C-alpha cells in the first residue's frame, strides 16, 4: 500500500512540475520564433469569428514582438531597448479578412461587388475609413484607433489585413494596466453586424515570451 501511495505522490509531483514548466514564459530570439508562438491559438493572442462566408481574425501584437521585428529589419541600427521604448505604451492589433474557403473563396475585395465604383469605394473604406468602425473597450475606458493601415498584398492573397494602433488618453500605461481588451468591429462593408474580439490581458502578459538576443 505504501508503495502505491508513494507512486501516486510522485505522479502528482511530476504533473505539478510539468504544469509549472508549461506556465513559464518561453525564450525567443527571432521574429520567426515569436510569430510561431503568437499563431498558436491556445496562447490567447488570436481571436476569430466566422460570418458571411468569411473568417475575421484579430491578432494582438505585443510591443516586444513589434520591437523585435523592427530590430531585425534595421539590422541592429537601433538597440532593441530603444525600439521597445517606442512601442511600449501603444496597443496594436492586426485585423484580417479572408474567405472561409481559402481555395475556392472569392477575394474579399471583390465579394458582393457589382461594378468598379463599388470596388473603389471598398478600397477607399478599408484604406482610409476603417477607424470609424473600430473601438477598443477596456476595463477602464473606450478608445478609437489613432492609426490604421491596410497591408498591401499585391494580389497575392484573397484576404486583407489592417494594422490598428491605440494609445492612452491620460496615463501613458493605462492600456497596459487594463484587465481585458474588447475590440469591437462594426461592419457595414460586408453586412456582418457588430463583432466582439475579447482578450484576457493579464493572462497574456503572464506568458508573453522573453526576448533573448544572440550577441556576436
C-alpha atoms as a PDB file:
ATOM      1  CA  UNK A   1       0.000   0.000   0.000  1.00  0.00           C
ATOM      2  CA  UNK A   2       2.832   2.377   0.900  1.00  0.00           C
ATOM      3  CA  UNK A   3       4.446   1.699  -2.488  1.00  0.00           C
ATOM      4  CA  UNK A   4       1.199   2.595  -4.263  1.00  0.00           C
ATOM      5  CA  UNK A   5       0.788   5.795  -2.208  1.00  0.00           C
ATOM      6  CA  UNK A   6       4.389   6.788  -2.931  1.00  0.00           C
ATOM      7  CA  UNK A   7       3.865   6.142  -6.627  1.00  0.00           C
ATOM      8  CA  UNK A   8       0.723   8.329  -6.678  1.00  0.00           C
ATOM      9  CA  UNK A   9       2.566  11.054  -4.759  1.00  0.00           C
ATOM     10  CA  UNK A  10       5.450  11.009  -7.235  1.00  0.00           C
ATOM     11  CA  UNK A  11       2.971  11.157 -10.087  1.00  0.00           C
ATOM     12  CA  UNK A  12       1.303  14.268  -8.640  1.00  0.00           C
ATOM     13  CA  UNK A  13       4.696  15.905  -8.080  1.00  0.00           C
ATOM     14  CA  UNK A  14       5.694  15.156 -11.678  1.00  0.00           C
ATOM     15  CA  UNK A  15       2.452  16.587 -13.040  1.00  0.00           C
ATOM     16  CA  UNK A  16       2.905  19.688 -10.931  1.00  0.00           C
ATOM     17  CA  UNK A  17       6.435  20.186 -12.246  1.00  0.00           C
ATOM     18  CA  UNK A  18       5.211  19.772 -15.810  1.00  0.00           C
ATOM     19  CA  UNK A  19       2.488  22.348 -15.217  1.00  0.00           C
ATOM     20  CA  UNK A  20       4.942  24.815 -13.729  1.00  0.00           C
ATOM     21  CA  UNK A  21       7.284  24.323 -16.664  1.00  0.00           C
ATOM     22  CA  UNK A  22       4.441  24.843 -19.143  1.00  0.00           C
ATOM     23  CA  UNK A  23       3.317  28.008 -17.361  1.00  0.00           C
ATOM     24  CA  UNK A  24       6.739  29.612 -17.652  1.00  0.00           C
ATOM     25  CA  UNK A  25       7.284  32.155 -20.472  1.00  0.00           C
ATOM     26  CA  UNK A  26       9.387  30.814 -23.309  1.00  0.00           C
ATOM     27  CA  UNK A  27      12.522  32.445 -24.701  1.00  0.00           C
ATOM     28  CA  UNK A  28      12.584  33.646 -28.297  1.00  0.00           C
ATOM     29  CA  UNK A  29      15.411  35.256 -30.234  1.00  0.00           C
ATOM     30  CA  UNK A  30      13.930  35.767 -33.713  1.00  0.00           C
ATOM     31  CA  UNK A  31      10.734  37.149 -35.222  1.00  0.00           C
ATOM     32  CA  UNK A  32      10.072  33.760 -36.799  1.00  0.00           C
ATOM     33  CA  UNK A  33      10.135  32.068 -33.384  1.00  0.00           C
ATOM     34  CA  UNK A  34       7.893  34.760 -31.916  1.00  0.00           C
ATOM     35  CA  UNK A  35       5.437  34.569 -34.848  1.00  0.00           C
ATOM     36  CA  UNK A  36       5.170  30.796 -34.464  1.00  0.00           C
ATOM     37  CA  UNK A  37       4.270  31.248 -30.808  1.00  0.00           C
ATOM     38  CA  UNK A  38       1.760  34.060 -31.490  1.00  0.00           C
ATOM     39  CA  UNK A  39      -0.006  31.972 -34.131  1.00  0.00           C
ATOM     40  CA  UNK A  40      -0.765  29.183 -31.659  1.00  0.00           C
ATOM     41  CA  UNK A  41      -4.359  29.990 -30.731  1.00  0.00           C
ATOM     42  CA  UNK A  42      -4.108  28.373 -27.307  1.00  0.00           C
ATOM     43  CA  UNK A  43      -1.801  31.227 -26.239  1.00  0.00           C
ATOM     44  CA  UNK A  44      -4.715  33.672 -26.472  1.00  0.00           C
ATOM     45  CA  UNK A  45      -3.245  36.272 -28.807  1.00  0.00           C
ATOM     46  CA  UNK A  46      -5.578  35.360 -31.689  1.00  0.00           C
ATOM     47  CA  UNK A  47      -9.365  35.568 -31.748  1.00  0.00           C
ATOM     48  CA  UNK A  48     -11.505  34.556 -34.734  1.00  0.00           C
ATOM     49  CA  UNK A  49     -15.107  34.929 -35.866  1.00  0.00           C
ATOM     50  CA  UNK A  50     -16.858  33.285 -38.811  1.00  0.00           C
ATOM     51  CA  UNK A  51     -19.555  35.336 -40.528  1.00  0.00           C
ATOM     52  CA  UNK A  52     -20.962  35.744 -44.027  1.00  0.00           C
ATOM     53  CA  UNK A  53     -18.709  33.103 -45.547  1.00  0.00           C
ATOM     54  CA  UNK A  54     -15.640  34.876 -44.176  1.00  0.00           C
ATOM     55  CA  UNK A  55     -13.154  34.429 -41.366  1.00  0.00           C
ATOM     56  CA  UNK A  56     -12.312  37.550 -39.400  1.00  0.00           C
ATOM     57  CA  UNK A  57      -9.230  37.270 -37.236  1.00  0.00           C
ATOM     58  CA  UNK A  58      -7.796  39.733 -34.748  1.00  0.00           C
ATOM     59  CA  UNK A  59      -4.238  39.230 -33.553  1.00  0.00           C
ATOM     60  CA  UNK A  60      -2.830  41.194 -30.639  1.00  0.00           C
ATOM     61  CA  UNK A  61       0.763  42.238 -31.394  1.00  0.00           C
ATOM     62  CA  UNK A  62       2.830  42.790 -28.216  1.00  0.00           C
ATOM     63  CA  UNK A  63       5.300  45.654 -28.042  1.00  0.00           C
ATOM     64  CA  UNK A  64       8.150  43.168 -27.672  1.00  0.00           C
ATOM     65  CA  UNK A  65       7.160  41.494 -30.950  1.00  0.00           C
ATOM     66  CA  UNK A  66       6.955  44.792 -32.830  1.00  0.00           C
ATOM     67  CA  UNK A  67      10.278  45.949 -31.424  1.00  0.00           C
ATOM     68  CA  UNK A  68      11.983  42.673 -32.359  1.00  0.00           C
ATOM     69  CA  UNK A  69      10.520  42.835 -35.867  1.00  0.00           C
ATOM     70  CA  UNK A  70      11.888  46.334 -36.443  1.00  0.00           C
ATOM     71  CA  UNK A  71      15.185  45.391 -34.791  1.00  0.00           C
ATOM     72  CA  UNK A  72      15.673  42.603 -37.327  1.00  0.00           C
ATOM     73  CA  UNK A  73      14.565  44.802 -40.229  1.00  0.00           C
ATOM     74  CA  UNK A  74      17.026  47.562 -39.351  1.00  0.00           C
ATOM     75  CA  UNK A  75      19.872  45.092 -38.849  1.00  0.00           C
ATOM     76  CA  UNK A  76      20.746  46.353 -35.404  1.00  0.00           C
ATOM     77  CA  UNK A  77      20.973  50.037 -36.393  1.00  0.00           C
ATOM     78  CA  UNK A  78      18.935  50.806 -33.280  1.00  0.00           C
ATOM     79  CA  UNK A  79      19.063  48.931 -29.998  1.00  0.00           C
ATOM     80  CA  UNK A  80      16.225  46.615 -29.096  1.00  0.00           C
ATOM     81  CA  UNK A  81      15.609  48.538 -25.859  1.00  0.00           C
ATOM     82  CA  UNK A  82      15.215  51.870 -27.674  1.00  0.00           C
ATOM     83  CA  UNK A  83      12.748  50.304 -30.113  1.00  0.00           C
ATOM     84  CA  UNK A  84      10.821  48.729 -27.263  1.00  0.00           C
ATOM     85  CA  UNK A  85      10.510  52.144 -25.622  1.00  0.00           C
ATOM     86  CA  UNK A  86       8.873  53.462 -28.797  1.00  0.00           C
ATOM     87  CA  UNK A  87       6.227  50.705 -28.800  1.00  0.00           C
ATOM     88  CA  UNK A  88       5.822  50.134 -25.081  1.00  0.00           C
ATOM     89  CA  UNK A  89       2.797  52.332 -24.403  1.00  0.00           C
ATOM     90  CA  UNK A  90       0.772  51.754 -27.565  1.00  0.00           C
ATOM     91  CA  UNK A  91      -1.520  48.808 -28.287  1.00  0.00           C
ATOM     92  CA  UNK A  92      -1.506  47.231 -31.737  1.00  0.00           C
ATOM     93  CA  UNK A  93      -3.808  44.721 -33.413  1.00  0.00           C
ATOM     94  CA  UNK A  94      -3.897  43.106 -36.836  1.00  0.00           C
ATOM     95  CA  UNK A  95      -7.423  42.639 -38.213  1.00  0.00           C
ATOM     96  CA  UNK A  96      -7.614  40.167 -41.107  1.00  0.00           C
ATOM     97  CA  UNK A  97     -10.424  39.305 -43.512  1.00  0.00           C
ATOM     98  CA  UNK A  98     -10.227  36.112 -45.546  1.00  0.00           C
ATOM     99  CA  UNK A  99     -12.680  33.805 -47.342  1.00  0.00           C
ATOM    100  CA  UNK A 100     -13.733  30.735 -45.365  1.00  0.00           C
ATOM    101  CA  UNK A 101     -12.752  28.558 -48.317  1.00  0.00           C
ATOM    102  CA  UNK A 102      -9.159  29.605 -48.954  1.00  0.00           C
ATOM    103  CA  UNK A 103      -9.004  27.915 -52.361  1.00  0.00           C
ATOM    104  CA  UNK A 104     -12.456  28.485 -53.854  1.00  0.00           C
ATOM    105  CA  UNK A 105     -13.475  31.561 -51.908  1.00  0.00           C
ATOM    106  CA  UNK A 106     -13.708  34.960 -53.531  1.00  0.00           C
ATOM    107  CA  UNK A 107     -11.159  37.729 -52.965  1.00  0.00           C
ATOM    108  CA  UNK A 108     -12.526  39.815 -50.092  1.00  0.00           C
ATOM    109  CA  UNK A 109     -12.049  42.978 -52.128  1.00  0.00           C
ATOM    110  CA  UNK A 110     -14.466  41.632 -54.752  1.00  0.00           C
ATOM    111  CA  UNK A 111     -17.034  39.921 -52.522  1.00  0.00           C
ATOM    112  CA  UNK A 112     -20.553  41.120 -53.482  1.00  0.00           C
ATOM    113  CA  UNK A 113     -19.084  43.931 -55.604  1.00  0.00           C
ATOM    114  CA  UNK A 114     -21.148  44.590 -58.746  1.00  0.00           C
ATOM    115  CA  UNK A 115     -19.095  47.251 -60.531  1.00  0.00           C
ATOM    116  CA  UNK A 116     -15.810  49.145 -60.492  1.00  0.00           C
ATOM    117  CA  UNK A 117     -17.167  52.077 -58.484  1.00  0.00           C
ATOM    118  CA  UNK A 118     -18.130  49.738 -55.630  1.00  0.00           C
ATOM    119  CA  UNK A 119     -14.662  48.215 -55.755  1.00  0.00           C
ATOM    120  CA  UNK A 120     -13.087  51.671 -55.478  1.00  0.00           C
ATOM    121  CA  UNK A 121     -15.409  52.563 -52.594  1.00  0.00           C
ATOM    122  CA  UNK A 122     -14.455  49.389 -50.710  1.00  0.00           C
ATOM    123  CA  UNK A 123     -10.785  50.005 -51.303  1.00  0.00           C
ATOM    124  CA  UNK A 124     -11.077  53.577 -50.021  1.00  0.00           C
ATOM    125  CA  UNK A 125     -13.043  52.445 -46.964  1.00  0.00           C
ATOM    126  CA  UNK A 126     -10.527  49.772 -45.969  1.00  0.00           C
ATOM    127  CA  UNK A 127      -7.613  52.126 -46.603  1.00  0.00           C
ATOM    128  CA  UNK A 128      -8.879  55.329 -45.044  1.00  0.00           C
ATOM    129  CA  UNK A 129     -12.130  54.922 -43.119  1.00  0.00           C
ATOM    130  CA  UNK A 130     -11.947  51.692 -41.146  1.00  0.00           C
ATOM    131  CA  UNK A 131     -11.050  53.585 -37.979  1.00  0.00           C
ATOM    132  CA  UNK A 132     -14.623  54.869 -37.657  1.00  0.00           C
ATOM    133  CA  UNK A 133     -15.829  51.245 -37.436  1.00  0.00           C
ATOM    134  CA  UNK A 134     -13.427  50.197 -34.675  1.00  0.00           C
ATOM    135  CA  UNK A 135     -13.421  50.716 -30.932  1.00  0.00           C
ATOM    136  CA  UNK A 136     -11.304  49.249 -28.161  1.00  0.00           C
ATOM    137  CA  UNK A 137     -13.193  48.781 -24.885  1.00  0.00           C
ATOM    138  CA  UNK A 138     -11.218  48.064 -21.739  1.00  0.00           C
ATOM    139  CA  UNK A 139     -11.973  47.715 -18.036  1.00  0.00           C
ATOM    140  CA  UNK A 140     -11.404  51.460 -17.558  1.00  0.00           C
ATOM    141  CA  UNK A 141     -12.217  53.325 -20.802  1.00  0.00           C
ATOM    142  CA  UNK A 142     -13.023  53.160 -24.518  1.00  0.00           C
ATOM    143  CA  UNK A 143     -10.626  54.127 -27.298  1.00  0.00           C
ATOM    144  CA  UNK A 144     -10.659  54.878 -31.012  1.00  0.00           C
ATOM    145  CA  UNK A 145      -7.661  53.988 -33.184  1.00  0.00           C
ATOM    146  CA  UNK A 146      -5.123  56.737 -33.746  1.00  0.00           C
ATOM    147  CA  UNK A 147      -3.792  54.943 -36.814  1.00  0.00           C
ATOM    148  CA  UNK A 148      -4.836  52.209 -39.220  1.00  0.00           C
ATOM    149  CA  UNK A 149      -3.014  50.876 -42.247  1.00  0.00           C
ATOM    150  CA  UNK A 150      -4.092  48.378 -44.918  1.00  0.00           C
ATOM    151  CA  UNK A 151      -1.422  45.804 -45.677  1.00  0.00           C
ATOM    152  CA  UNK A 152      -0.727  45.634 -49.430  1.00  0.00           C
ATOM    153  CA  UNK A 153      -0.762  42.029 -50.674  1.00  0.00           C
ATOM    154  CA  UNK A 154      -0.201  42.942 -54.348  1.00  0.00           C
ATOM    155  CA  UNK A 155      -2.921  40.483 -55.352  1.00  0.00           C
ATOM    156  CA  UNK A 156      -1.050  37.504 -53.888  1.00  0.00           C
ATOM    157  CA  UNK A 157      -3.752  36.757 -51.315  1.00  0.00           C
ATOM    158  CA  UNK A 158      -7.554  36.640 -51.287  1.00  0.00           C
ATOM    159  CA  UNK A 159      -7.520  38.141 -47.810  1.00  0.00           C
ATOM    160  CA  UNK A 160      -6.585  41.571 -46.475  1.00  0.00           C
ATOM    161  CA  UNK A 161      -5.133  42.727 -43.171  1.00  0.00           C
ATOM    162  CA  UNK A 162      -5.307  46.065 -41.405  1.00  0.00           C
ATOM    163  CA  UNK A 163      -2.959  47.203 -38.661  1.00  0.00           C
ATOM    164  CA  UNK A 164      -4.557  49.399 -35.987  1.00  0.00           C
ATOM    165  CA  UNK A 165      -2.899  51.290 -33.153  1.00  0.00           C
ATOM    166  CA  UNK A 166      -4.447  52.629 -29.947  1.00  0.00           C
ATOM    167  CA  UNK A 167      -2.830  54.980 -27.447  1.00  0.00           C
ATOM    168  CA  UNK A 168      -3.607  56.182 -23.925  1.00  0.00           C
ATOM    169  CA  UNK A 169      -5.744  59.219 -23.121  1.00  0.00           C
ATOM    170  CA  UNK A 170      -4.214  60.331 -19.813  1.00  0.00           C
ATOM    171  CA  UNK A 171      -1.749  57.987 -18.111  1.00  0.00           C
ATOM    172  CA  UNK A 172       0.655  56.549 -20.643  1.00  0.00           C
ATOM    173  CA  UNK A 173       0.437  52.996 -19.251  1.00  0.00           C
ATOM    174  CA  UNK A 174      -3.354  52.882 -18.788  1.00  0.00           C
ATOM    175  CA  UNK A 175      -3.863  50.495 -21.705  1.00  0.00           C
ATOM    176  CA  UNK A 176      -1.241  48.101 -20.391  1.00  0.00           C
ATOM    177  CA  UNK A 177      -2.932  48.039 -16.968  1.00  0.00           C
ATOM    178  CA  UNK A 178      -6.356  47.045 -18.317  1.00  0.00           C
ATOM    179  CA  UNK A 179      -7.802  43.705 -17.224  1.00  0.00           C
ATOM    180  CA  UNK A 180      -9.226  42.932 -20.660  1.00  0.00           C
ATOM    181  CA  UNK A 181      -9.442  44.165 -24.240  1.00  0.00           C
ATOM    182  CA  UNK A 182     -12.707  44.028 -26.166  1.00  0.00           C
ATOM    183  CA  UNK A 183     -12.055  45.053 -29.755  1.00  0.00           C
ATOM    184  CA  UNK A 184     -15.391  45.942 -31.310  1.00  0.00           C
ATOM    185  CA  UNK A 185     -15.739  45.992 -35.077  1.00  0.00           C
ATOM    186  CA  UNK A 186     -18.987  47.323 -36.540  1.00  0.00           C
ATOM    187  CA  UNK A 187     -19.160  46.038 -40.098  1.00  0.00           C
ATOM    188  CA  UNK A 188     -21.293  47.620 -42.800  1.00  0.00           C
ATOM    189  CA  UNK A 189     -18.862  46.681 -45.569  1.00  0.00           C
ATOM    190  CA  UNK A 190     -19.926  43.037 -45.717  1.00  0.00           C
ATOM    191  CA  UNK A 191     -23.077  43.472 -43.593  1.00  0.00           C
ATOM    192  CA  UNK A 192     -21.673  41.335 -40.783  1.00  0.00           C
ATOM    193  CA  UNK A 193     -23.001  43.468 -37.939  1.00  0.00           C
ATOM    194  CA  UNK A 194     -21.203  44.060 -34.633  1.00  0.00           C
ATOM    195  CA  UNK A 195     -18.369  41.670 -33.773  1.00  0.00           C
ATOM    196  CA  UNK A 196     -16.503  41.470 -30.446  1.00  0.00           C
ATOM    197  CA  UNK A 197     -12.974  40.094 -30.058  1.00  0.00           C
ATOM    198  CA  UNK A 198     -12.082  39.524 -26.397  1.00  0.00           C
ATOM    199  CA  UNK A 199      -8.558  39.301 -24.955  1.00  0.00           C
ATOM    200  CA  UNK A 200      -7.581  38.438 -21.369  1.00  0.00           C
ATOM    201  CA  UNK A 201      -4.663  40.838 -20.998  1.00  0.00           C
ATOM    202  CA  UNK A 202      -3.198  39.718 -17.620  1.00  0.00           C
ATOM    203  CA  UNK A 203      -3.158  36.072 -18.748  1.00  0.00           C
ATOM    204  CA  UNK A 204      -1.445  37.039 -21.991  1.00  0.00           C
ATOM    205  CA  UNK A 205       1.145  39.221 -20.295  1.00  0.00           C
ATOM    206  CA  UNK A 206       1.911  36.444 -17.807  1.00  0.00           C
ATOM    207  CA  UNK A 207       3.061  34.106 -20.574  1.00  0.00           C
ATOM    208  CA  UNK A 208       4.437  36.622 -23.061  1.00  0.00           C
ATOM    209  CA  UNK A 209       7.741  35.325 -24.496  1.00  0.00           C
ATOM    210  CA  UNK A 210      11.029  36.675 -23.186  1.00  0.00           C
ATOM    211  CA  UNK A 211      13.422  38.169 -25.734  1.00  0.00           C
ATOM    212  CA  UNK A 212      16.868  36.587 -25.647  1.00  0.00           C
ATOM    213  CA  UNK A 213      19.045  38.161 -28.331  1.00  0.00           C
ATOM    214  CA  UNK A 214      22.144  36.382 -29.566  1.00  0.00           C
ATOM    215  CA  UNK A 215      25.168  38.636 -29.373  1.00  0.00           C
ATOM    216  CA  UNK A 216      28.039  38.006 -31.752  1.00  0.00           C
END
